[in-house]
């Protein structure tokens, strides 16, 4: 017959294995893009997980959960946009994001991002997030991420549209092709956006002709809007 001590060891070992398994499952691969006021600070894939964060600005300088379940979100523990931002800052190319300022607000059980890459909100600007181009509707620790989600953090005024660029993956050198810019929030065409030296029309389309190089990285910009995703076009 097994003695109680041995059973206790087995029970503890089982808990440890379950905890490791849960941690592995919680890691979620997502794409993160961080747009500062004048430049893109980061764009790449990261593995984010549920966890905690240290409040390093404001009156509360302690650690709090950031895992959806503990922050008023729907569902169990999951990776969040805020944890994805932290994961991006820990990547080899994420050094431009530090130091990140997280401030805990007990009144709504969540963090506010106060500073990224040395940029703090001024006037009507603040750090806000989008998931798959849709603006966040809850605190960033209360939003659950799933594999393949595209997370955007940007410093901008409330309601600023996040531009989305659609472009072909391959184009012929010297032959014209179309790109299109829309509002990721509404899906509507964006006129007057600049991309590859051209300007979009009322239908959101611009026609480009690239004559040199093997690959071009294209992005769209417009005053008062968040810079678009970058699309790489291979030239043949």
Protein backbone atom coordinates (compact mmCIF):
# COMPACT_ATOMS: atom_id res chain seq x y z
CA UNK A 1 0.00 0.00 0.00
CA UNK A 2 1.31 3.45 -0.90
CA UNK A 3 2.03 5.66 2.08
CA UNK A 4 0.60 9.16 2.42
CA UNK A 5 3.95 10.87 1.82
CA UNK A 6 4.39 9.15 -1.52
CA UNK A 7 0.83 10.01 -2.52
CA UNK A 8 1.48 13.62 -1.60
CA UNK A 9 4.59 13.70 -3.82
CA UNK A 10 2.60 12.22 -6.71
CA UNK A 11 -0.13 14.80 -6.24
CA UNK A 12 2.35 17.67 -6.22
CA UNK A 13 4.07 16.29 -9.32
CA UNK A 14 0.71 16.09 -11.10
CA UNK A 15 -0.07 19.70 -10.24
CA UNK A 16 3.35 20.75 -11.55
CA UNK A 17 2.85 18.90 -14.85
CA UNK A 18 -0.64 20.36 -15.26
CA UNK A 19 0.72 23.85 -14.57
CA UNK A 20 3.42 23.40 -17.18
CA UNK A 21 0.90 22.13 -19.70
CA UNK A 22 -1.44 25.05 -19.03
CA UNK A 23 1.43 27.49 -19.45
CA UNK A 24 2.38 25.93 -22.78
CA UNK A 25 -1.22 26.05 -24.02
CA UNK A 26 -1.57 29.68 -22.93
CA UNK A 27 1.29 30.82 -25.20
CA UNK A 28 -0.33 32.36 -28.28
CA UNK A 29 1.49 33.38 -31.45
CA UNK A 30 0.31 36.76 -32.69
CA UNK A 31 1.62 39.62 -34.82
CA UNK A 32 2.37 42.88 -33.03
CA UNK A 33 2.85 46.30 -34.60
CA UNK A 34 3.62 49.41 -32.58
CA UNK A 35 3.24 52.82 -34.20
CA UNK A 36 4.81 55.84 -32.55
CA UNK A 37 3.96 59.43 -33.46
CA UNK A 38 6.59 59.60 -36.23
CA UNK A 39 7.76 56.05 -36.91
CA UNK A 40 6.98 52.37 -36.62
CA UNK A 41 8.66 51.16 -33.43
CA UNK A 42 8.11 47.44 -33.89
CA UNK A 43 6.50 44.93 -36.23
CA UNK A 44 6.87 41.18 -35.86
CA UNK A 45 5.52 37.91 -34.54
CA UNK A 46 5.62 37.15 -30.82
CA UNK A 47 4.43 34.47 -28.42
CA UNK A 48 2.24 36.01 -25.72
CA UNK A 49 0.75 34.36 -22.67
CA UNK A 50 -1.49 35.10 -19.72
CA UNK A 51 0.41 36.46 -16.74
CA UNK A 52 0.95 39.51 -14.60
CA UNK A 53 2.48 42.96 -15.05
CA UNK A 54 4.29 45.35 -12.75
CA UNK A 55 2.72 48.76 -12.36
CA UNK A 56 5.77 51.00 -12.69
CA UNK A 57 4.14 54.44 -12.89
CA UNK A 58 1.49 56.05 -10.72
CA UNK A 59 0.86 55.46 -7.04
CA UNK A 60 0.53 51.66 -7.16
CA UNK A 61 3.95 50.07 -7.77
CA UNK A 62 2.97 46.41 -7.44
CA UNK A 63 2.21 43.42 -9.67
CA UNK A 64 -1.30 42.64 -10.94
CA UNK A 65 -2.88 40.02 -13.19
CA UNK A 66 -3.28 40.65 -16.91
CA UNK A 67 -5.00 37.48 -18.10
CA UNK A 68 -8.62 38.32 -19.13
CA UNK A 69 -10.19 36.17 -16.41
CA UNK A 70 -8.94 38.45 -13.61
CA UNK A 71 -9.57 41.71 -15.45
CA UNK A 72 -13.28 41.68 -16.13
CA UNK A 73 -13.07 39.93 -19.49
CA UNK A 74 -15.15 37.06 -20.81
CA UNK A 75 -13.74 33.54 -20.57
CA UNK A 76 -10.76 31.95 -18.89
CA UNK A 77 -7.14 33.03 -18.69
CA UNK A 78 -5.67 34.02 -22.07
CA UNK A 79 -3.01 36.13 -23.72
CA UNK A 80 -3.90 39.83 -23.97
CA UNK A 81 -2.85 42.85 -26.09
CA UNK A 82 -0.93 44.29 -23.12
CA UNK A 83 0.97 41.05 -22.54
CA UNK A 84 1.67 40.91 -26.30
CA UNK A 85 3.14 44.41 -26.10
CA UNK A 86 5.40 43.29 -23.27
CA UNK A 87 6.43 40.20 -25.28
CA UNK A 88 7.34 42.44 -28.23
CA UNK A 89 9.57 44.57 -26.00
CA UNK A 90 11.48 41.42 -25.01
CA UNK A 91 12.25 40.46 -28.62
CA UNK A 92 15.72 41.19 -30.07
CA UNK A 93 14.25 43.97 -32.23
CA UNK A 94 11.98 45.27 -29.48
CA UNK A 95 14.54 47.44 -27.71
CA UNK A 96 12.96 50.58 -29.24
CA UNK A 97 9.84 49.95 -27.17
CA UNK A 98 11.47 50.26 -23.77
CA UNK A 99 10.92 51.39 -21.23
CA UNK A 100 7.18 50.68 -21.26
CA UNK A 101 5.15 52.44 -18.58
CA UNK A 102 2.26 50.42 -17.13
CA UNK A 103 -0.11 52.09 -14.65
CA UNK A 104 -2.62 50.03 -12.68
CA UNK A 105 -6.12 51.43 -12.08
CA UNK A 106 -8.00 49.51 -9.42
CA UNK A 107 -11.25 51.26 -10.38
CA UNK A 108 -11.51 49.28 -13.61
CA UNK A 109 -9.18 46.39 -12.77
CA UNK A 110 -6.78 47.03 -15.62
CA UNK A 111 -3.60 48.75 -16.73
CA UNK A 112 -3.21 51.86 -18.84
CA UNK A 113 -0.14 52.08 -21.07
CA UNK A 114 1.44 55.41 -20.23
CA UNK A 115 4.69 55.30 -22.18
CA UNK A 116 6.23 53.26 -25.01
CA UNK A 117 9.63 53.91 -26.52
CA UNK A 118 9.92 57.15 -24.60
CA UNK A 119 6.65 58.45 -26.06
CA UNK A 120 4.00 59.50 -23.55
CA UNK A 121 0.53 60.83 -24.41
CA UNK A 122 0.28 64.57 -24.96
CA UNK A 123 -2.97 66.49 -25.25
CA UNK A 124 -5.69 64.30 -26.77
CA UNK A 125 -3.29 61.50 -27.69
CA UNK A 126 -3.08 58.24 -25.80
CA UNK A 127 -1.79 54.71 -26.33
CA UNK A 128 -4.62 52.57 -27.68
CA UNK A 129 -4.92 49.13 -29.22
CA UNK A 130 -6.62 47.37 -32.09
CA UNK A 131 -7.02 43.64 -32.73
CA UNK A 132 -7.35 42.67 -36.40
CA UNK A 133 -7.79 46.40 -37.13
CA UNK A 134 -10.79 46.68 -34.80
CA UNK A 135 -10.39 49.17 -31.90
CA UNK A 136 -10.42 47.72 -28.41
CA UNK A 137 -13.76 47.96 -26.62
CA UNK A 138 -12.53 46.75 -23.21
CA UNK A 139 -9.35 47.21 -21.21
CA UNK A 140 -6.34 45.68 -22.91
CA UNK A 141 -5.94 43.07 -20.15
CA UNK A 142 -9.57 42.01 -20.59
CA UNK A 143 -9.32 41.21 -24.32
CA UNK A 144 -8.47 37.61 -25.22
CA UNK A 145 -6.13 36.94 -28.14
CA UNK A 146 -6.16 33.89 -30.37
CA UNK A 147 -3.49 32.44 -32.65
CA UNK A 148 -2.81 34.59 -35.71
CA UNK A 149 -4.39 37.77 -34.38
CA UNK A 150 -2.87 41.07 -35.51
CA UNK A 151 -2.34 43.42 -32.57
CA UNK A 152 -1.73 47.11 -33.20
CA UNK A 153 -0.67 49.62 -30.56
CA UNK A 154 -0.51 53.27 -31.58
CA UNK A 155 -0.33 56.68 -29.97
CA UNK A 156 -3.10 58.77 -31.48
CA UNK A 157 -6.25 60.73 -30.81
CA UNK A 158 -9.41 58.83 -29.98
CA UNK A 159 -11.23 57.70 -33.12
CA UNK A 160 -8.22 57.96 -35.44
CA UNK A 161 -8.69 55.36 -38.20
CA UNK A 162 -6.15 52.56 -38.54
CA UNK A 163 -5.24 52.25 -42.22
CA UNK A 164 -5.16 48.83 -43.84
CA UNK A 165 -3.19 48.27 -47.04
CA UNK A 166 -3.96 45.49 -49.50
CA UNK A 167 -1.32 44.83 -52.17
CA UNK A 168 -0.33 41.91 -54.42
CA UNK A 169 2.53 39.71 -53.23
CA UNK A 170 4.10 39.69 -56.73
CA UNK A 171 4.24 42.36 -59.46
CA UNK A 172 5.99 42.78 -62.80
CA UNK A 173 8.73 45.37 -63.07
CA UNK A 174 7.58 48.31 -65.15
CA UNK A 175 3.99 47.09 -65.23
CA UNK A 176 1.27 48.98 -63.35
CA UNK A 177 -0.66 47.27 -60.55
CA UNK A 178 -3.28 48.29 -58.03
CA UNK A 179 -3.10 48.66 -54.26
CA UNK A 180 -5.98 49.64 -52.03
CA UNK A 181 -6.24 51.46 -48.70
CA UNK A 182 -9.24 51.07 -46.43
CA UNK A 183 -10.11 51.93 -42.86
CA UNK A 184 -9.49 48.80 -40.85
CA UNK A 185 -12.16 49.94 -38.43
CA UNK A 186 -15.02 50.43 -40.90
CA UNK A 187 -13.81 48.66 -44.04
CA UNK A 188 -14.55 51.78 -46.07
CA UNK A 189 -12.23 53.10 -48.79
CA UNK A 190 -9.76 55.81 -47.76
CA UNK A 191 -9.14 58.58 -50.27
CA UNK A 192 -6.04 60.77 -50.16
CA UNK A 193 -3.70 58.18 -48.63
CA UNK A 194 -0.12 58.14 -49.88
CA UNK A 195 1.46 54.81 -50.83
CA UNK A 196 4.52 54.16 -53.01
CA UNK A 197 4.53 57.74 -54.31
CA UNK A 198 0.89 57.59 -55.43
CA UNK A 199 -2.34 58.86 -53.85
CA UNK A 200 -5.51 56.84 -53.45
CA UNK A 201 -8.70 57.96 -55.13
CA UNK A 202 -12.25 57.99 -53.81
CA UNK A 203 -12.44 54.20 -54.14
CA UNK A 204 -9.27 53.74 -52.06
CA UNK A 205 -7.23 52.46 -55.03
CA UNK A 206 -3.86 53.74 -56.22
CA UNK A 207 -1.98 52.51 -59.29
CA UNK A 208 1.75 51.92 -58.93
CA UNK A 209 4.56 51.11 -61.34
CA UNK A 210 7.80 49.82 -59.81
CA UNK A 211 10.74 49.60 -62.20
CA UNK A 212 13.71 48.47 -60.10
CA UNK A 213 14.72 46.21 -57.24
CA UNK A 214 13.70 42.69 -56.31
CA UNK A 215 11.33 43.53 -53.47
CA UNK A 216 9.56 46.64 -52.25
CA UNK A 217 8.02 47.27 -48.86
CA UNK A 218 4.90 49.40 -49.18
CA UNK A 219 2.98 51.24 -46.49
CA UNK A 220 0.18 53.79 -46.54
CA UNK A 221 0.01 57.07 -44.64
CA UNK A 222 -2.52 59.86 -44.24
CA UNK A 223 -2.59 62.82 -41.92
CA UNK A 224 -4.79 62.09 -38.91
CA UNK A 225 -4.71 58.32 -39.45
CA UNK A 226 -2.60 55.46 -38.10
CA UNK A 227 0.05 54.22 -40.53
CA UNK A 228 -0.92 51.03 -42.34
CA UNK A 229 0.58 47.57 -42.20
CA UNK A 230 3.63 46.99 -44.42
CA UNK A 231 3.14 44.80 -47.49
CA UNK A 232 6.14 43.28 -49.29
CA UNK A 233 5.84 43.05 -53.07
CA UNK A 234 8.25 40.81 -54.97
CA UNK A 235 9.23 42.27 -58.35
CA UNK A 236 9.86 39.97 -61.30
